[in-house]
Amino acid sequence: MKQTTFWLAMMLATTTATAGAAQDLTSQMEKFVTEHVIEWATDPIIVDAIVAQNAITGSYDQAKINELDALWTAQSGMAGIPLIDGVLQNPTSDFLRQRIATAGGTIAEIFVMDARGLNVAAAEATSDYWQGDEVKFTETFPKGPNALHFGEVELDGSSGEVQAQVSMSIVDSAGAVVGAMTVGINLTSLM
């Protein structure tokens, strides 16, 4: 009961925060991303995986993307599904899981998207395959290098953690934007 009351108080405080407090939270998230995420966000294991998938998905039309997204959603939670397993069981996804393991509970999720907004790698399955119609993609990839987007603060029902997603564009060694990445941050660990 005390924990539930604490979380409700946290959510109430977060949703009724002054502009200054909200800015402080954004500053803390930006500091965390700058100090702990940017250093590995352009690791060749991430960039190379995005570039390789871009070579495949670059010719996909919207009908193909919608078909794959519907397939992902319909098969989510099932074992032995090539589309989902291809995203979750690869060296880049292993790398993302290692980043979560070494973040001391501050990172809840990470997933990487290609130039179409399709999942390339993820620490855990996402609810859908195509992120291209969501702000995590539309406010990063098309905005160019160094784009950051701070998502809404939410209470994760499964973990009980107060979280927000921070998304960023991913660039290759020449500075060209090749994809995007979203990192879910447990805000309670920043407070």
N, C-alpha and C. Protein backbone atom coordinates (compact mmCIF):
# COMPACT_ATOMS: atom_id res chain seq x y z
N MET A 1 0.82 -1.19 0.00
CA MET A 1 0.00 0.00 0.00
C MET A 1 0.87 1.26 0.00
N LYS A 2 1.93 1.26 0.84
CA LYS A 2 2.81 2.43 0.89
C LYS A 2 3.47 2.66 -0.46
N GLN A 3 3.88 1.55 -1.13
CA GLN A 3 4.54 1.70 -2.42
C GLN A 3 3.56 2.24 -3.45
N THR A 4 2.33 1.76 -3.44
CA THR A 4 1.32 2.26 -4.37
C THR A 4 1.06 3.74 -4.12
N THR A 5 0.95 4.12 -2.88
CA THR A 5 0.74 5.53 -2.53
C THR A 5 1.92 6.37 -3.00
N PHE A 6 3.13 5.86 -2.81
CA PHE A 6 4.32 6.57 -3.26
C PHE A 6 4.26 6.81 -4.77
N TRP A 7 3.94 5.77 -5.53
CA TRP A 7 3.92 5.89 -6.99
C TRP A 7 2.81 6.83 -7.45
N LEU A 8 1.66 6.77 -6.80
CA LEU A 8 0.59 7.69 -7.16
C LEU A 8 1.01 9.13 -6.86
N ALA A 9 1.68 9.33 -5.74
CA ALA A 9 2.17 10.66 -5.40
C ALA A 9 3.20 11.13 -6.42
N MET A 10 4.07 10.22 -6.84
CA MET A 10 5.08 10.56 -7.84
C MET A 10 4.42 10.96 -9.16
N MET A 11 3.42 10.19 -9.58
CA MET A 11 2.74 10.50 -10.83
C MET A 11 2.01 11.84 -10.72
N LEU A 12 1.34 12.05 -9.60
CA LEU A 12 0.63 13.31 -9.40
C LEU A 12 1.62 14.47 -9.41
N ALA A 13 2.72 14.31 -8.73
CA ALA A 13 3.74 15.36 -8.69
C ALA A 13 4.30 15.61 -10.08
N THR A 14 4.49 14.54 -10.84
CA THR A 14 5.04 14.68 -12.18
C THR A 14 4.06 15.38 -13.10
N THR A 15 2.79 14.98 -13.02
CA THR A 15 1.81 15.56 -13.94
C THR A 15 1.42 16.97 -13.57
N THR A 16 1.63 17.37 -12.32
CA THR A 16 1.28 18.73 -11.91
C THR A 16 2.53 19.58 -11.67
N ALA A 17 3.66 19.11 -12.13
CA ALA A 17 4.92 19.82 -11.91
C ALA A 17 4.90 21.17 -12.60
N THR A 18 5.62 22.09 -12.02
CA THR A 18 5.76 23.40 -12.64
C THR A 18 6.65 23.27 -13.86
N ALA A 19 6.63 24.29 -14.69
CA ALA A 19 7.48 24.27 -15.88
C ALA A 19 8.94 24.12 -15.49
N GLY A 20 9.34 24.75 -14.39
CA GLY A 20 10.73 24.65 -13.93
C GLY A 20 11.10 23.24 -13.54
N ALA A 21 10.21 22.56 -12.83
CA ALA A 21 10.48 21.18 -12.42
C ALA A 21 10.52 20.26 -13.63
N ALA A 22 9.62 20.48 -14.59
CA ALA A 22 9.63 19.66 -15.81
C ALA A 22 10.92 19.88 -16.58
N GLN A 23 11.37 21.14 -16.64
CA GLN A 23 12.62 21.44 -17.32
C GLN A 23 13.79 20.77 -16.61
N ASP A 24 13.76 20.74 -15.28
CA ASP A 24 14.82 20.08 -14.51
C ASP A 24 14.88 18.59 -14.83
N LEU A 25 13.72 17.96 -14.93
CA LEU A 25 13.67 16.54 -15.27
C LEU A 25 14.22 16.30 -16.67
N THR A 26 13.84 17.15 -17.61
CA THR A 26 14.38 17.04 -18.97
C THR A 26 15.89 17.23 -18.95
N SER A 27 16.37 18.17 -18.17
CA SER A 27 17.82 18.40 -18.06
C SER A 27 18.53 17.18 -17.49
N GLN A 28 17.92 16.54 -16.49
CA GLN A 28 18.52 15.33 -15.91
C GLN A 28 18.57 14.20 -16.94
N MET A 29 17.49 14.05 -17.71
CA MET A 29 17.48 13.01 -18.74
C MET A 29 18.53 13.31 -19.81
N GLU A 30 18.60 14.57 -20.22
CA GLU A 30 19.58 14.95 -21.24
C GLU A 30 21.00 14.72 -20.74
N LYS A 31 21.25 15.05 -19.48
CA LYS A 31 22.57 14.82 -18.88
C LYS A 31 22.90 13.33 -18.88
N PHE A 32 21.93 12.50 -18.49
CA PHE A 32 22.17 11.06 -18.47
C PHE A 32 22.48 10.55 -19.88
N VAL A 33 21.70 10.97 -20.85
CA VAL A 33 21.93 10.53 -22.23
C VAL A 33 23.30 10.99 -22.71
N THR A 34 23.63 12.23 -22.45
CA THR A 34 24.92 12.78 -22.88
C THR A 34 26.09 12.05 -22.23
N GLU A 35 25.97 11.76 -20.94
CA GLU A 35 27.08 11.15 -20.21
C GLU A 35 27.14 9.63 -20.33
N HIS A 36 26.00 8.98 -20.59
CA HIS A 36 25.99 7.52 -20.52
C HIS A 36 25.49 6.80 -21.77
N VAL A 37 24.85 7.48 -22.68
CA VAL A 37 24.29 6.80 -23.85
C VAL A 37 25.00 7.18 -25.14
N ILE A 38 25.25 8.45 -25.34
CA ILE A 38 25.85 8.93 -26.59
C ILE A 38 27.15 8.20 -26.90
N GLU A 39 27.93 7.88 -25.87
CA GLU A 39 29.22 7.23 -26.08
C GLU A 39 29.11 5.89 -26.80
N TRP A 40 28.00 5.17 -26.62
CA TRP A 40 27.85 3.88 -27.30
C TRP A 40 26.76 3.89 -28.36
N ALA A 41 26.04 5.00 -28.50
CA ALA A 41 24.93 5.06 -29.47
C ALA A 41 25.41 4.97 -30.91
N THR A 42 26.64 5.36 -31.17
CA THR A 42 27.17 5.27 -32.53
C THR A 42 28.23 4.18 -32.64
N ASP A 43 28.18 3.22 -31.75
CA ASP A 43 29.08 2.08 -31.83
C ASP A 43 28.85 1.39 -33.18
N PRO A 44 29.92 0.92 -33.83
CA PRO A 44 29.76 0.25 -35.12
C PRO A 44 28.76 -0.91 -35.10
N ILE A 45 28.59 -1.59 -33.99
CA ILE A 45 27.64 -2.70 -33.96
C ILE A 45 26.21 -2.19 -34.19
N ILE A 46 25.91 -0.98 -33.74
CA ILE A 46 24.59 -0.39 -33.97
C ILE A 46 24.51 0.19 -35.38
N VAL A 47 25.47 1.01 -35.74
CA VAL A 47 25.45 1.67 -37.05
C VAL A 47 25.48 0.65 -38.18
N ASP A 48 26.35 -0.34 -38.09
CA ASP A 48 26.45 -1.35 -39.16
C ASP A 48 25.15 -2.14 -39.31
N ALA A 49 24.50 -2.46 -38.20
CA ALA A 49 23.23 -3.19 -38.27
C ALA A 49 22.16 -2.35 -38.95
N ILE A 50 22.12 -1.06 -38.65
CA ILE A 50 21.15 -0.17 -39.29
C ILE A 50 21.43 -0.08 -40.79
N VAL A 51 22.68 0.15 -41.15
CA VAL A 51 23.05 0.29 -42.56
C VAL A 51 22.70 -0.98 -43.33
N ALA A 52 22.99 -2.14 -42.74
CA ALA A 52 22.67 -3.41 -43.40
C ALA A 52 21.17 -3.56 -43.61
N GLN A 53 20.38 -3.19 -42.61
CA GLN A 53 18.92 -3.31 -42.77
C GLN A 53 18.39 -2.27 -43.75
N ASN A 54 18.97 -1.07 -43.75
CA ASN A 54 18.54 -0.05 -44.72
C ASN A 54 18.69 -0.54 -46.15
N ALA A 55 19.73 -1.33 -46.40
CA ALA A 55 19.95 -1.88 -47.74
C ALA A 55 18.81 -2.82 -48.15
N ILE A 56 18.18 -3.44 -47.17
CA ILE A 56 17.07 -4.37 -47.43
C ILE A 56 15.73 -3.62 -47.47
N THR A 57 15.49 -2.79 -46.48
CA THR A 57 14.16 -2.18 -46.32
C THR A 57 13.98 -0.86 -47.06
N GLY A 58 15.04 -0.33 -47.62
CA GLY A 58 14.96 0.95 -48.32
C GLY A 58 13.97 0.96 -49.46
N SER A 59 13.73 -0.18 -50.06
CA SER A 59 12.80 -0.27 -51.19
C SER A 59 11.38 -0.65 -50.77
N TYR A 60 11.15 -0.88 -49.49
CA TYR A 60 9.80 -1.25 -49.03
C TYR A 60 8.83 -0.10 -49.24
N ASP A 61 7.65 -0.43 -49.77
CA ASP A 61 6.60 0.58 -49.85
C ASP A 61 5.75 0.50 -48.57
N GLN A 62 4.82 1.43 -48.43
CA GLN A 62 4.03 1.49 -47.20
C GLN A 62 3.19 0.23 -47.00
N ALA A 63 2.73 -0.38 -48.08
CA ALA A 63 1.94 -1.61 -47.96
C ALA A 63 2.77 -2.73 -47.34
N LYS A 64 4.02 -2.86 -47.75
CA LYS A 64 4.92 -3.87 -47.20
C LYS A 64 5.20 -3.59 -45.73
N ILE A 65 5.43 -2.34 -45.40
CA ILE A 65 5.68 -1.96 -44.00
C ILE A 65 4.46 -2.29 -43.14
N ASN A 66 3.28 -1.93 -43.62
CA ASN A 66 2.05 -2.22 -42.87
C ASN A 66 1.84 -3.72 -42.70
N GLU A 67 2.16 -4.49 -43.73
CA GLU A 67 2.03 -5.95 -43.67
C GLU A 67 2.95 -6.52 -42.58
N LEU A 68 4.19 -6.07 -42.56
CA LEU A 68 5.15 -6.56 -41.57
C LEU A 68 4.75 -6.11 -40.16
N ASP A 69 4.27 -4.90 -40.03
CA ASP A 69 3.84 -4.39 -38.73
C ASP A 69 2.66 -5.21 -38.20
N ALA A 70 1.71 -5.53 -39.07
CA ALA A 70 0.55 -6.34 -38.66
C ALA A 70 0.99 -7.75 -38.28
N LEU A 71 1.93 -8.30 -39.03
CA LEU A 71 2.46 -9.64 -38.73
C LEU A 71 3.13 -9.64 -37.35
N TRP A 72 3.95 -8.65 -37.08
CA TRP A 72 4.63 -8.52 -35.78
C TRP A 72 3.61 -8.48 -34.65
N THR A 73 2.63 -7.61 -34.80
CA THR A 73 1.62 -7.44 -33.76
C THR A 73 0.83 -8.72 -33.52
N ALA A 74 0.46 -9.40 -34.60
CA ALA A 74 -0.31 -10.64 -34.48
C ALA A 74 0.50 -11.76 -33.84
N GLN A 75 1.81 -11.76 -34.05
CA GLN A 75 2.65 -12.85 -33.57
C GLN A 75 3.42 -12.49 -32.30
N SER A 76 3.21 -11.32 -31.78
CA SER A 76 3.90 -10.89 -30.57
C SER A 76 3.62 -11.87 -29.43
N GLY A 77 4.67 -12.26 -28.74
CA GLY A 77 4.54 -13.19 -27.61
C GLY A 77 4.69 -14.64 -28.01
N MET A 78 4.69 -14.94 -29.30
CA MET A 78 4.87 -16.32 -29.76
C MET A 78 6.36 -16.62 -29.89
N ALA A 79 6.69 -17.88 -29.74
CA ALA A 79 8.08 -18.32 -29.87
C ALA A 79 8.37 -18.76 -31.30
N GLY A 80 9.61 -18.61 -31.71
CA GLY A 80 10.04 -19.12 -33.00
C GLY A 80 9.48 -18.36 -34.19
N ILE A 81 9.30 -17.06 -34.05
CA ILE A 81 8.78 -16.23 -35.13
C ILE A 81 9.95 -15.52 -35.80
N PRO A 82 10.23 -15.82 -37.08
CA PRO A 82 11.43 -15.26 -37.73
C PRO A 82 11.54 -13.74 -37.68
N LEU A 83 10.46 -13.02 -37.91
CA LEU A 83 10.53 -11.56 -37.92
C LEU A 83 10.94 -11.03 -36.54
N ILE A 84 10.26 -11.49 -35.51
CA ILE A 84 10.55 -11.03 -34.15
C ILE A 84 11.91 -11.54 -33.68
N ASP A 85 12.18 -12.82 -33.92
CA ASP A 85 13.48 -13.38 -33.51
C ASP A 85 14.64 -12.68 -34.22
N GLY A 86 14.43 -12.28 -35.46
CA GLY A 86 15.47 -11.57 -36.20
C GLY A 86 15.85 -10.25 -35.55
N VAL A 87 14.90 -9.62 -34.88
CA VAL A 87 15.16 -8.36 -34.19
C VAL A 87 15.74 -8.60 -32.80
N LEU A 88 15.25 -9.63 -32.11
CA LEU A 88 15.65 -9.85 -30.72
C LEU A 88 16.89 -10.72 -30.56
N GLN A 89 17.18 -11.56 -31.53
CA GLN A 89 18.28 -12.51 -31.39
C GLN A 89 19.38 -12.21 -32.41
N ASN A 90 20.08 -11.13 -32.16
CA ASN A 90 21.21 -10.76 -33.01
C ASN A 90 22.26 -10.07 -32.13
N PRO A 91 23.47 -9.94 -32.61
CA PRO A 91 24.53 -9.34 -31.79
C PRO A 91 24.23 -7.91 -31.33
N THR A 92 23.52 -7.15 -32.13
CA THR A 92 23.19 -5.79 -31.73
C THR A 92 22.22 -5.79 -30.56
N SER A 93 21.24 -6.67 -30.58
CA SER A 93 20.31 -6.79 -29.45
C SER A 93 21.03 -7.25 -28.20
N ASP A 94 21.99 -8.16 -28.36
CA ASP A 94 22.80 -8.58 -27.21
C ASP A 94 23.56 -7.38 -26.64
N PHE A 95 24.11 -6.56 -27.52
CA PHE A 95 24.82 -5.34 -27.11
C PHE A 95 23.89 -4.41 -26.33
N LEU A 96 22.65 -4.26 -26.80
CA LEU A 96 21.68 -3.40 -26.10
C LEU A 96 21.35 -3.96 -24.72
N ARG A 97 21.19 -5.27 -24.63
CA ARG A 97 20.90 -5.89 -23.33
C ARG A 97 22.08 -5.69 -22.37
N GLN A 98 23.30 -5.72 -22.89
CA GLN A 98 24.48 -5.46 -22.05
C GLN A 98 24.46 -4.03 -21.53
N ARG A 99 24.02 -3.09 -22.35
CA ARG A 99 23.94 -1.69 -21.92
C ARG A 99 22.93 -1.55 -20.78
N ILE A 100 21.81 -2.25 -20.88
CA ILE A 100 20.81 -2.22 -19.81
C ILE A 100 21.40 -2.82 -18.54
N ALA A 101 22.08 -3.95 -18.68
CA ALA A 101 22.65 -4.65 -17.52
C ALA A 101 23.68 -3.80 -16.77
N THR A 102 24.40 -2.97 -17.49
CA THR A 102 25.45 -2.16 -16.86
C THR A 102 24.96 -0.77 -16.44
N ALA A 103 23.68 -0.47 -16.66
CA ALA A 103 23.16 0.87 -16.35
C ALA A 103 22.61 0.99 -14.94
N GLY A 104 22.72 -0.05 -14.14
CA GLY A 104 22.30 0.03 -12.75
C GLY A 104 20.82 0.33 -12.55
N GLY A 105 19.98 -0.14 -13.45
CA GLY A 105 18.54 0.06 -13.31
C GLY A 105 18.02 1.35 -13.90
N THR A 106 18.90 2.17 -14.45
CA THR A 106 18.45 3.44 -15.02
C THR A 106 17.81 3.26 -16.39
N ILE A 107 18.26 2.28 -17.17
CA ILE A 107 17.69 2.04 -18.49
C ILE A 107 16.73 0.86 -18.42
N ALA A 108 15.51 1.09 -18.89
CA ALA A 108 14.47 0.05 -18.88
C ALA A 108 14.35 -0.66 -20.22
N GLU A 109 14.58 0.05 -21.31
CA GLU A 109 14.44 -0.53 -22.64
C GLU A 109 15.30 0.23 -23.62
N ILE A 110 15.66 -0.46 -24.70
CA ILE A 110 16.37 0.18 -25.80
C ILE A 110 15.94 -0.53 -27.08
N PHE A 111 15.66 0.24 -28.11
CA PHE A 111 15.47 -0.35 -29.43
C PHE A 111 15.99 0.60 -30.49
N VAL A 112 16.40 0.00 -31.60
CA VAL A 112 17.05 0.71 -32.70
C VAL A 112 16.17 0.57 -33.94
N MET A 113 16.04 1.67 -34.69
CA MET A 113 15.21 1.71 -35.89
C MET A 113 16.04 2.06 -37.12
N ASP A 114 15.62 1.55 -38.26
CA ASP A 114 16.29 1.88 -39.51
C ASP A 114 15.72 3.18 -40.10
N ALA A 115 16.10 3.48 -41.34
CA ALA A 115 15.68 4.72 -41.98
C ALA A 115 14.19 4.75 -42.31
N ARG A 116 13.51 3.62 -42.25
CA ARG A 116 12.06 3.55 -42.48
C ARG A 116 11.28 3.55 -41.17
N GLY A 117 12.00 3.45 -40.04
CA GLY A 117 11.35 3.38 -38.74
C GLY A 117 11.03 1.96 -38.32
N LEU A 118 11.60 0.98 -39.01
CA LEU A 118 11.41 -0.43 -38.67
C LEU A 118 12.45 -0.86 -37.65
N ASN A 119 12.05 -1.74 -36.74
CA ASN A 119 12.99 -2.24 -35.72
C ASN A 119 14.15 -2.97 -36.36
N VAL A 120 15.34 -2.67 -35.90
CA VAL A 120 16.57 -3.36 -36.30
C VAL A 120 17.00 -4.29 -35.18
N ALA A 121 16.98 -3.78 -33.96
CA ALA A 121 17.41 -4.53 -32.78
C ALA A 121 16.65 -3.98 -31.58
N ALA A 122 16.45 -4.85 -30.60
CA ALA A 122 15.75 -4.43 -29.38
C ALA A 122 16.16 -5.33 -28.23
N ALA A 123 16.24 -4.74 -27.05
CA ALA A 123 16.56 -5.54 -25.87
C ALA A 123 15.40 -6.46 -25.52
N GLU A 124 14.18 -6.00 -25.76
CA GLU A 124 12.96 -6.78 -25.56
C GLU A 124 12.01 -6.44 -26.70
N ALA A 125 11.02 -7.30 -26.92
CA ALA A 125 10.06 -7.06 -27.99
C ALA A 125 9.28 -5.77 -27.74
N THR A 126 9.11 -5.01 -28.79
CA THR A 126 8.27 -3.81 -28.75
C THR A 126 6.84 -4.21 -29.12
N SER A 127 5.90 -3.32 -28.88
CA SER A 127 4.50 -3.66 -29.18
C SER A 127 4.23 -3.71 -30.67
N ASP A 128 5.04 -3.01 -31.46
CA ASP A 128 4.88 -3.07 -32.91
C ASP A 128 6.25 -3.01 -33.58
N TYR A 129 6.28 -3.34 -34.86
CA TYR A 129 7.52 -3.41 -35.62
C TYR A 129 7.88 -2.06 -36.23
N TRP A 130 6.86 -1.31 -36.64
CA TRP A 130 7.08 -0.04 -37.32
C TRP A 130 6.89 1.12 -36.36
N GLN A 131 7.95 1.88 -36.13
CA GLN A 131 7.90 3.06 -35.27
C GLN A 131 7.84 4.34 -36.11
N GLY A 132 7.86 4.19 -37.42
CA GLY A 132 7.98 5.33 -38.33
C GLY A 132 6.87 6.35 -38.26
N ASP A 133 5.73 5.98 -37.69
CA ASP A 133 4.62 6.93 -37.57
C ASP A 133 4.52 7.53 -36.16
N GLU A 134 5.51 7.26 -35.34
CA GLU A 134 5.49 7.72 -33.94
C GLU A 134 6.54 8.82 -33.74
N VAL A 135 6.28 9.69 -32.74
CA VAL A 135 7.18 10.84 -32.52
C VAL A 135 8.61 10.41 -32.20
N LYS A 136 8.78 9.25 -31.63
CA LYS A 136 10.15 8.78 -31.34
C LYS A 136 10.98 8.70 -32.61
N PHE A 137 10.31 8.52 -33.75
CA PHE A 137 11.00 8.48 -35.04
C PHE A 137 10.86 9.81 -35.78
N THR A 138 9.63 10.32 -35.86
CA THR A 138 9.39 11.54 -36.64
C THR A 138 10.08 12.77 -36.08
N GLU A 139 10.41 12.75 -34.80
CA GLU A 139 11.10 13.89 -34.19
C GLU A 139 12.61 13.68 -34.07
N THR A 140 13.11 12.60 -34.68
CA THR A 140 14.55 12.35 -34.63
C THR A 140 15.12 12.15 -36.03
N PHE A 141 14.84 11.03 -36.65
CA PHE A 141 15.45 10.70 -37.94
C PHE A 141 15.36 11.83 -38.97
N PRO A 142 14.17 12.35 -39.26
CA PRO A 142 14.10 13.40 -40.29
C PRO A 142 14.65 14.76 -39.83
N LYS A 143 14.94 14.90 -38.56
CA LYS A 143 15.44 16.18 -38.03
C LYS A 143 16.94 16.33 -38.17
N GLY A 144 17.63 15.24 -38.53
CA GLY A 144 19.06 15.33 -38.76
C GLY A 144 19.91 14.87 -37.58
N PRO A 145 21.23 15.03 -37.73
CA PRO A 145 22.15 14.62 -36.66
C PRO A 145 21.86 15.38 -35.36
N ASN A 146 22.16 14.74 -34.27
CA ASN A 146 22.03 15.33 -32.93
C ASN A 146 20.59 15.60 -32.49
N ALA A 147 19.60 15.06 -33.20
CA ALA A 147 18.21 15.27 -32.79
C ALA A 147 17.91 14.42 -31.55
N LEU A 148 17.26 15.04 -30.58
CA LEU A 148 16.82 14.36 -29.36
C LEU A 148 15.34 14.66 -29.17
N HIS A 149 14.59 13.64 -28.76
CA HIS A 149 13.18 13.83 -28.43
C HIS A 149 12.91 13.22 -27.07
N PHE A 150 12.30 13.99 -26.18
CA PHE A 150 11.95 13.52 -24.84
C PHE A 150 10.47 13.20 -24.82
N GLY A 151 10.14 11.94 -24.55
CA GLY A 151 8.76 11.50 -24.52
C GLY A 151 8.05 11.85 -23.23
N GLU A 152 6.78 11.52 -23.20
CA GLU A 152 5.94 11.76 -22.02
C GLU A 152 6.41 10.92 -20.84
N VAL A 153 6.24 11.45 -19.65
CA VAL A 153 6.51 10.69 -18.42
C VAL A 153 5.32 9.77 -18.19
N GLU A 154 5.60 8.49 -17.95
CA GLU A 154 4.54 7.50 -17.77
C GLU A 154 4.89 6.55 -16.64
N LEU A 155 3.87 5.98 -16.05
CA LEU A 155 4.04 4.91 -15.07
C LEU A 155 3.94 3.59 -15.81
N ASP A 156 5.01 2.80 -15.78
CA ASP A 156 5.01 1.49 -16.41
C ASP A 156 4.25 0.53 -15.50
N GLY A 157 3.12 0.06 -15.97
CA GLY A 157 2.27 -0.82 -15.17
C GLY A 157 2.92 -2.12 -14.79
N SER A 158 3.78 -2.65 -15.66
CA SER A 158 4.40 -3.95 -15.36
C SER A 158 5.54 -3.83 -14.36
N SER A 159 6.31 -2.75 -14.43
CA SER A 159 7.46 -2.62 -13.53
C SER A 159 7.18 -1.70 -12.35
N GLY A 160 6.16 -0.86 -12.46
CA GLY A 160 5.88 0.10 -11.41
C GLY A 160 6.84 1.28 -11.40
N GLU A 161 7.64 1.41 -12.44
CA GLU A 161 8.63 2.48 -12.54
C GLU A 161 8.06 3.67 -13.30
N VAL A 162 8.46 4.86 -12.90
CA VAL A 162 8.14 6.07 -13.64
C VAL A 162 9.21 6.19 -14.72
N GLN A 163 8.77 6.24 -15.99
CA GLN A 163 9.70 6.21 -17.10
C GLN A 163 9.39 7.28 -18.13
N ALA A 164 10.39 7.56 -18.94
CA ALA A 164 10.22 8.40 -20.13
C ALA A 164 11.17 7.87 -21.19
N GLN A 165 10.75 7.97 -22.44
CA GLN A 165 11.61 7.56 -23.54
C GLN A 165 12.36 8.77 -24.07
N VAL A 166 13.64 8.55 -24.33
CA VAL A 166 14.45 9.55 -25.01
C VAL A 166 14.88 8.92 -26.32
N SER A 167 14.59 9.60 -27.42
CA SER A 167 14.93 9.09 -28.74
C SER A 167 15.95 10.01 -29.39
N MET A 168 16.78 9.44 -30.24
CA MET A 168 17.84 10.21 -30.88
C MET A 168 18.12 9.68 -32.27
N SER A 169 18.60 10.56 -33.13
CA SER A 169 19.04 10.12 -34.45
C SER A 169 20.39 9.42 -34.29
N ILE A 170 20.64 8.46 -35.17
CA ILE A 170 21.91 7.72 -35.19
C ILE A 170 22.61 8.04 -36.51
N VAL A 171 23.88 8.39 -36.43
CA VAL A 171 24.64 8.77 -37.61
C VAL A 171 25.77 7.79 -37.88
N ASP A 172 26.17 7.72 -39.14
CA ASP A 172 27.32 6.89 -39.50
C ASP A 172 28.60 7.71 -39.32
N SER A 173 29.73 7.11 -39.69
CA SER A 173 31.03 7.78 -39.47
C SER A 173 31.18 9.05 -40.30
N ALA A 174 30.39 9.19 -41.37
CA ALA A 174 30.44 10.40 -42.19
C ALA A 174 29.47 11.48 -41.69
N GLY A 175 28.70 11.16 -40.64
CA GLY A 175 27.76 12.12 -40.09
C GLY A 175 26.38 12.08 -40.71
N ALA A 176 26.13 11.12 -41.60
CA ALA A 176 24.81 10.99 -42.22
C ALA A 176 23.87 10.22 -41.28
N VAL A 177 22.65 10.70 -41.16
CA VAL A 177 21.66 10.02 -40.32
C VAL A 177 21.24 8.73 -41.01
N VAL A 178 21.37 7.60 -40.30
CA VAL A 178 21.02 6.30 -40.87
C VAL A 178 19.82 5.66 -40.18
N GLY A 179 19.50 6.11 -38.97
CA GLY A 179 18.39 5.52 -38.23
C GLY A 179 18.15 6.30 -36.95
N ALA A 180 17.50 5.64 -36.01
CA ALA A 180 17.18 6.28 -34.72
C ALA A 180 17.22 5.23 -33.63
N MET A 181 17.28 5.69 -32.39
CA MET A 181 17.29 4.79 -31.25
C MET A 181 16.44 5.41 -30.14
N THR A 182 15.73 4.55 -29.43
CA THR A 182 14.94 4.98 -28.28
C THR A 182 15.45 4.26 -27.04
N VAL A 183 15.63 5.04 -25.98
CA VAL A 183 16.07 4.51 -24.69
C VAL A 183 15.00 4.88 -23.66
N GLY A 184 14.46 3.87 -22.98
CA GLY A 184 13.51 4.11 -21.90
C GLY A 184 14.27 4.29 -20.60
N ILE A 185 14.09 5.43 -19.96
CA ILE A 185 14.83 5.75 -18.74
C ILE A 185 13.90 5.67 -17.53
N ASN A 186 14.36 4.94 -16.50
CA ASN A 186 13.65 4.89 -15.22
C ASN A 186 13.94 6.19 -14.49
N LEU A 187 12.97 7.06 -14.45
CA LEU A 187 13.20 8.39 -13.88
C LEU A 187 13.43 8.37 -12.38
N THR A 188 12.88 7.38 -11.70
CA THR A 188 13.09 7.30 -10.26
C THR A 188 14.57 7.14 -9.93
N SER A 189 15.33 6.54 -10.83
CA SER A 189 16.76 6.38 -10.58
C SER A 189 17.53 7.68 -10.78
N LEU A 190 16.92 8.65 -11.45
CA LEU A 190 17.57 9.95 -11.65
C LEU A 190 17.24 10.93 -10.54
N MET A 191 16.20 10.61 -9.75
CA MET A 191 15.74 11.55 -8.71
C MET A 191 16.48 11.35 -7.42
